[in-house]
């Protein structure tokens, strides 16, 4: 009986974690490039664009945490290189990546 209860608790816990991982979170930050990361937040739009054109990948820099996240779907941010933005994104903390659901200039 204890095993059944323990299994149920484990299954419910994993289901709750999976459900929360799929939810989109609204985050303010910057679109930068994989070489410079958080170095150019707010001042290096030209550098970010040049680095991405040179083969670097776009990344998202969380404004509050200054954490750099890879972007699963980089085409979603192509009009915002170097910009301060608000994104709705599904965050994968294990992979340190985000999947951008929507993006807009930050207010």
N, C-alpha and C. Protein backbone atom coordinates (compact mmCIF):
# COMPACT_ATOMS: atom_id res chain seq x y z
N UNK A 1 0.82 -1.19 0.00
CA UNK A 1 0.00 0.00 0.00
C UNK A 1 0.87 1.26 0.00
N UNK A 2 1.95 1.24 0.81
CA UNK A 2 2.83 2.40 0.87
C UNK A 2 3.49 2.65 -0.49
N UNK A 3 3.80 1.57 -1.19
CA UNK A 3 4.42 1.71 -2.50
C UNK A 3 3.46 2.36 -3.50
N UNK A 4 2.21 2.00 -3.43
CA UNK A 4 1.22 2.57 -4.34
C UNK A 4 1.07 4.07 -4.08
N UNK A 5 0.99 4.45 -2.82
CA UNK A 5 0.86 5.86 -2.46
C UNK A 5 2.12 6.62 -2.90
N UNK A 6 3.29 6.05 -2.68
CA UNK A 6 4.53 6.69 -3.08
C UNK A 6 4.59 6.85 -4.61
N UNK A 7 4.15 5.85 -5.34
CA UNK A 7 4.13 5.92 -6.80
C UNK A 7 3.18 7.01 -7.28
N UNK A 8 2.01 7.08 -6.66
CA UNK A 8 1.03 8.11 -7.03
C UNK A 8 1.59 9.52 -6.77
N UNK A 9 2.23 9.70 -5.64
CA UNK A 9 2.83 11.00 -5.33
C UNK A 9 3.90 11.35 -6.36
N UNK A 10 4.72 10.39 -6.72
CA UNK A 10 5.78 10.63 -7.70
C UNK A 10 5.19 11.00 -9.07
N UNK A 11 4.19 10.26 -9.50
CA UNK A 11 3.57 10.52 -10.80
C UNK A 11 2.92 11.91 -10.82
N UNK A 12 2.21 12.25 -9.77
CA UNK A 12 1.57 13.57 -9.70
C UNK A 12 2.62 14.67 -9.68
N UNK A 13 3.70 14.47 -8.97
CA UNK A 13 4.77 15.48 -8.92
C UNK A 13 5.39 15.70 -10.29
N UNK A 14 5.70 14.62 -11.00
CA UNK A 14 6.27 14.75 -12.33
C UNK A 14 5.29 15.40 -13.30
N UNK A 15 4.02 15.10 -13.19
CA UNK A 15 3.01 15.71 -14.05
C UNK A 15 2.93 17.21 -13.81
N UNK A 16 3.01 17.62 -12.54
CA UNK A 16 2.96 19.05 -12.22
C UNK A 16 4.19 19.77 -12.76
N UNK A 17 5.34 19.14 -12.67
CA UNK A 17 6.57 19.74 -13.21
C UNK A 17 6.47 19.87 -14.72
N UNK A 18 6.01 18.84 -15.39
CA UNK A 18 5.88 18.88 -16.84
C UNK A 18 4.88 19.95 -17.29
N UNK A 19 3.79 20.09 -16.57
CA UNK A 19 2.78 21.10 -16.91
C UNK A 19 3.34 22.50 -16.74
N UNK A 20 4.08 22.73 -15.68
CA UNK A 20 4.63 24.07 -15.46
C UNK A 20 5.73 24.39 -16.45
N UNK A 21 6.46 23.39 -16.92
CA UNK A 21 7.52 23.63 -17.90
C UNK A 21 6.95 24.04 -19.24
N UNK A 22 5.73 23.59 -19.55
CA UNK A 22 5.12 23.90 -20.84
C UNK A 22 4.48 25.28 -20.85
N UNK A 23 4.27 25.89 -19.70
CA UNK A 23 3.63 27.20 -19.63
C UNK A 23 4.59 28.28 -20.11
N UNK A 24 4.02 29.29 -20.76
CA UNK A 24 4.82 30.43 -21.19
C UNK A 24 4.97 31.41 -20.04
N UNK A 25 6.13 32.01 -19.97
CA UNK A 25 6.45 33.00 -18.96
C UNK A 25 6.78 34.30 -19.68
N UNK A 26 6.35 35.42 -19.11
CA UNK A 26 6.67 36.72 -19.67
C UNK A 26 7.96 37.23 -19.03
N UNK A 27 8.96 37.54 -19.87
CA UNK A 27 10.27 37.95 -19.38
C UNK A 27 10.76 39.16 -20.19
N UNK A 28 11.31 40.14 -19.51
CA UNK A 28 11.95 41.27 -20.18
C UNK A 28 13.43 40.96 -20.35
N UNK A 29 14.00 41.42 -21.46
CA UNK A 29 15.41 41.21 -21.67
C UNK A 29 15.87 41.76 -23.00
N UNK A 30 16.97 41.25 -23.47
CA UNK A 30 17.62 41.73 -24.68
C UNK A 30 17.90 40.57 -25.61
N UNK A 31 17.84 40.84 -26.91
CA UNK A 31 18.28 39.86 -27.89
C UNK A 31 19.73 40.21 -28.21
N UNK A 32 20.61 39.27 -27.95
CA UNK A 32 22.04 39.47 -28.18
C UNK A 32 22.56 38.33 -29.06
N UNK A 33 23.86 38.18 -29.11
CA UNK A 33 24.45 37.10 -29.90
C UNK A 33 25.27 36.18 -28.99
N UNK A 34 25.53 34.98 -29.47
CA UNK A 34 26.18 33.96 -28.65
C UNK A 34 27.62 34.29 -28.30
N UNK A 35 28.27 35.15 -29.04
CA UNK A 35 29.65 35.51 -28.71
C UNK A 35 29.70 36.56 -27.60
N UNK A 36 28.87 37.56 -27.68
CA UNK A 36 28.93 38.67 -26.71
C UNK A 36 28.00 38.48 -25.51
N UNK A 37 26.96 37.71 -25.67
CA UNK A 37 26.04 37.46 -24.55
C UNK A 37 25.51 38.72 -23.92
N UNK A 38 25.73 38.90 -22.62
CA UNK A 38 25.18 40.03 -21.86
C UNK A 38 26.04 41.29 -21.97
N UNK A 39 27.15 41.26 -22.67
CA UNK A 39 28.05 42.42 -22.73
C UNK A 39 27.42 43.65 -23.37
N UNK A 40 26.55 43.45 -24.35
CA UNK A 40 26.02 44.58 -25.10
C UNK A 40 24.58 44.95 -24.76
N UNK A 41 24.06 44.51 -23.68
CA UNK A 41 22.67 44.81 -23.38
C UNK A 41 22.46 46.31 -23.29
N UNK A 42 21.72 46.82 -24.24
CA UNK A 42 21.37 48.22 -24.24
C UNK A 42 22.24 49.13 -25.06
N UNK A 43 23.39 48.65 -25.55
CA UNK A 43 24.28 49.58 -26.24
C UNK A 43 24.91 49.04 -27.51
N UNK A 44 24.67 47.80 -27.85
CA UNK A 44 25.41 47.22 -28.96
C UNK A 44 24.59 46.61 -30.06
N UNK A 45 23.49 47.24 -30.47
CA UNK A 45 22.64 46.65 -31.50
C UNK A 45 23.41 46.41 -32.79
N UNK A 46 24.27 47.34 -33.18
CA UNK A 46 25.03 47.17 -34.42
C UNK A 46 25.97 45.97 -34.32
N UNK A 47 26.60 45.81 -33.17
CA UNK A 47 27.51 44.68 -32.96
C UNK A 47 26.75 43.36 -32.99
N UNK A 48 25.59 43.33 -32.34
CA UNK A 48 24.78 42.10 -32.31
C UNK A 48 24.40 41.71 -33.73
N UNK A 49 23.93 42.67 -34.51
CA UNK A 49 23.53 42.37 -35.89
C UNK A 49 24.72 41.87 -36.71
N UNK A 50 25.87 42.49 -36.54
CA UNK A 50 27.07 42.09 -37.28
C UNK A 50 27.52 40.68 -36.89
N UNK A 51 27.49 40.39 -35.58
CA UNK A 51 27.91 39.06 -35.11
C UNK A 51 26.97 37.98 -35.62
N UNK A 52 25.66 38.25 -35.62
CA UNK A 52 24.71 37.26 -36.11
C UNK A 52 24.87 37.06 -37.61
N UNK A 53 25.09 38.13 -38.34
CA UNK A 53 25.34 38.01 -39.78
C UNK A 53 26.63 37.23 -40.04
N UNK A 54 27.57 37.29 -39.08
CA UNK A 54 28.84 36.58 -39.21
C UNK A 54 28.79 35.14 -38.75
N UNK A 55 27.63 34.66 -38.35
CA UNK A 55 27.50 33.25 -38.01
C UNK A 55 27.17 32.93 -36.56
N UNK A 56 27.20 33.92 -35.67
CA UNK A 56 26.82 33.67 -34.29
C UNK A 56 25.31 33.46 -34.22
N UNK A 57 24.85 32.81 -33.17
CA UNK A 57 23.41 32.59 -33.02
C UNK A 57 22.82 33.62 -32.06
N UNK A 58 21.55 33.98 -32.27
CA UNK A 58 20.92 34.91 -31.34
C UNK A 58 20.66 34.22 -30.00
N UNK A 59 20.77 34.99 -28.92
CA UNK A 59 20.48 34.50 -27.57
C UNK A 59 19.58 35.52 -26.88
N UNK A 60 18.93 35.08 -25.82
CA UNK A 60 18.10 35.97 -25.01
C UNK A 60 18.79 36.20 -23.68
N UNK A 61 18.91 37.47 -23.28
CA UNK A 61 19.54 37.83 -22.01
C UNK A 61 18.45 38.32 -21.07
N UNK A 62 18.19 37.57 -20.01
CA UNK A 62 17.19 37.94 -19.01
C UNK A 62 17.63 39.23 -18.32
N UNK A 63 16.76 40.24 -18.37
CA UNK A 63 17.09 41.56 -17.83
C UNK A 63 17.36 41.53 -16.32
N UNK A 64 16.57 40.79 -15.57
CA UNK A 64 16.73 40.76 -14.12
C UNK A 64 17.91 39.92 -13.67
N UNK A 65 18.06 38.76 -14.25
CA UNK A 65 19.08 37.81 -13.80
C UNK A 65 20.39 37.91 -14.58
N UNK A 66 20.38 38.64 -15.69
CA UNK A 66 21.54 38.72 -16.59
C UNK A 66 21.97 37.33 -17.06
N UNK A 67 21.01 36.40 -17.06
CA UNK A 67 21.27 35.04 -17.53
C UNK A 67 21.13 35.00 -19.05
N UNK A 68 21.99 34.25 -19.70
CA UNK A 68 21.97 34.13 -21.16
C UNK A 68 21.34 32.78 -21.51
N UNK A 69 20.29 32.83 -22.33
CA UNK A 69 19.54 31.64 -22.73
C UNK A 69 19.66 31.44 -24.24
N UNK A 70 19.88 30.20 -24.68
CA UNK A 70 19.83 29.93 -26.11
C UNK A 70 18.36 29.98 -26.54
N UNK A 71 18.14 30.26 -27.80
CA UNK A 71 16.78 30.37 -28.33
C UNK A 71 16.52 29.18 -29.25
N UNK A 72 15.51 28.37 -28.91
CA UNK A 72 15.18 27.19 -29.70
C UNK A 72 14.70 27.53 -31.11
N UNK A 73 14.02 28.65 -31.24
CA UNK A 73 13.46 29.06 -32.52
C UNK A 73 13.97 30.46 -32.90
N UNK A 74 15.24 30.56 -33.33
CA UNK A 74 15.86 31.87 -33.55
C UNK A 74 15.19 32.74 -34.60
N UNK A 75 14.44 32.16 -35.53
CA UNK A 75 13.74 32.97 -36.53
C UNK A 75 12.69 33.88 -35.89
N UNK A 76 12.22 33.54 -34.71
CA UNK A 76 11.20 34.34 -34.03
C UNK A 76 11.72 35.71 -33.60
N UNK A 77 13.05 35.87 -33.51
CA UNK A 77 13.61 37.13 -33.01
C UNK A 77 14.36 37.91 -34.09
N UNK A 78 14.28 37.50 -35.34
CA UNK A 78 15.11 38.10 -36.40
C UNK A 78 14.89 39.59 -36.60
N UNK A 79 13.74 40.12 -36.21
CA UNK A 79 13.48 41.56 -36.35
C UNK A 79 13.86 42.35 -35.10
N UNK A 80 14.46 41.69 -34.11
CA UNK A 80 14.72 42.33 -32.81
C UNK A 80 16.17 42.23 -32.36
N UNK A 81 17.12 41.97 -33.26
CA UNK A 81 18.52 41.84 -32.88
C UNK A 81 19.01 43.11 -32.17
N UNK A 82 19.51 42.95 -30.96
CA UNK A 82 20.02 44.08 -30.18
C UNK A 82 18.98 44.85 -29.42
N UNK A 83 17.71 44.49 -29.56
CA UNK A 83 16.62 45.26 -28.95
C UNK A 83 16.27 44.81 -27.54
N UNK A 84 15.69 45.74 -26.79
CA UNK A 84 15.12 45.46 -25.46
C UNK A 84 13.70 44.98 -25.72
N UNK A 85 13.38 43.77 -25.26
CA UNK A 85 12.11 43.14 -25.62
C UNK A 85 11.42 42.51 -24.41
N UNK A 86 10.15 42.24 -24.61
CA UNK A 86 9.39 41.40 -23.69
C UNK A 86 8.99 40.17 -24.47
N UNK A 87 9.32 39.00 -23.94
CA UNK A 87 8.98 37.75 -24.62
C UNK A 87 8.04 36.93 -23.76
N UNK A 88 7.20 36.18 -24.42
CA UNK A 88 6.47 35.10 -23.75
C UNK A 88 7.17 33.86 -24.26
N UNK A 89 7.70 33.08 -23.33
CA UNK A 89 8.54 31.95 -23.73
C UNK A 89 8.37 30.78 -22.78
N UNK A 90 8.53 29.59 -23.34
CA UNK A 90 8.62 28.38 -22.53
C UNK A 90 10.09 28.20 -22.19
N UNK A 91 10.39 28.13 -20.92
CA UNK A 91 11.77 28.05 -20.44
C UNK A 91 12.13 26.61 -20.12
N UNK A 92 13.28 26.17 -20.60
CA UNK A 92 13.82 24.85 -20.25
C UNK A 92 15.09 25.09 -19.44
N UNK A 93 14.96 25.08 -18.13
CA UNK A 93 16.09 25.40 -17.25
C UNK A 93 17.22 24.39 -17.38
N UNK A 94 16.90 23.14 -17.65
CA UNK A 94 17.94 22.12 -17.79
C UNK A 94 18.84 22.39 -19.00
N UNK A 95 18.24 22.79 -20.10
CA UNK A 95 19.00 23.08 -21.32
C UNK A 95 19.43 24.54 -21.39
N UNK A 96 18.96 25.34 -20.44
CA UNK A 96 19.23 26.79 -20.42
C UNK A 96 18.82 27.41 -21.76
N UNK A 97 17.57 27.07 -22.15
CA UNK A 97 17.06 27.56 -23.43
C UNK A 97 15.63 28.04 -23.28
N UNK A 98 15.20 28.84 -24.25
CA UNK A 98 13.83 29.34 -24.28
C UNK A 98 13.26 29.07 -25.67
N UNK A 99 11.96 28.86 -25.70
CA UNK A 99 11.22 28.78 -26.97
C UNK A 99 10.29 29.98 -26.99
N UNK A 100 10.55 30.92 -27.86
CA UNK A 100 9.82 32.18 -27.92
C UNK A 100 8.44 31.94 -28.54
N UNK A 101 7.40 32.24 -27.77
CA UNK A 101 6.03 32.16 -28.29
C UNK A 101 5.60 33.48 -28.89
N UNK A 102 5.99 34.60 -28.25
CA UNK A 102 5.71 35.92 -28.80
C UNK A 102 6.78 36.88 -28.32
N UNK A 103 6.97 37.95 -29.09
CA UNK A 103 8.00 38.93 -28.77
C UNK A 103 7.50 40.31 -29.17
N UNK A 104 7.83 41.31 -28.35
CA UNK A 104 7.45 42.69 -28.64
C UNK A 104 8.50 43.60 -28.00
N UNK A 105 8.61 44.82 -28.52
CA UNK A 105 9.52 45.79 -27.92
C UNK A 105 9.07 46.05 -26.49
N UNK A 106 10.02 46.10 -25.57
CA UNK A 106 9.70 46.35 -24.15
C UNK A 106 9.23 47.79 -23.99
N UNK A 107 8.33 47.96 -23.03
CA UNK A 107 7.79 49.31 -22.78
C UNK A 107 8.55 49.98 -21.68
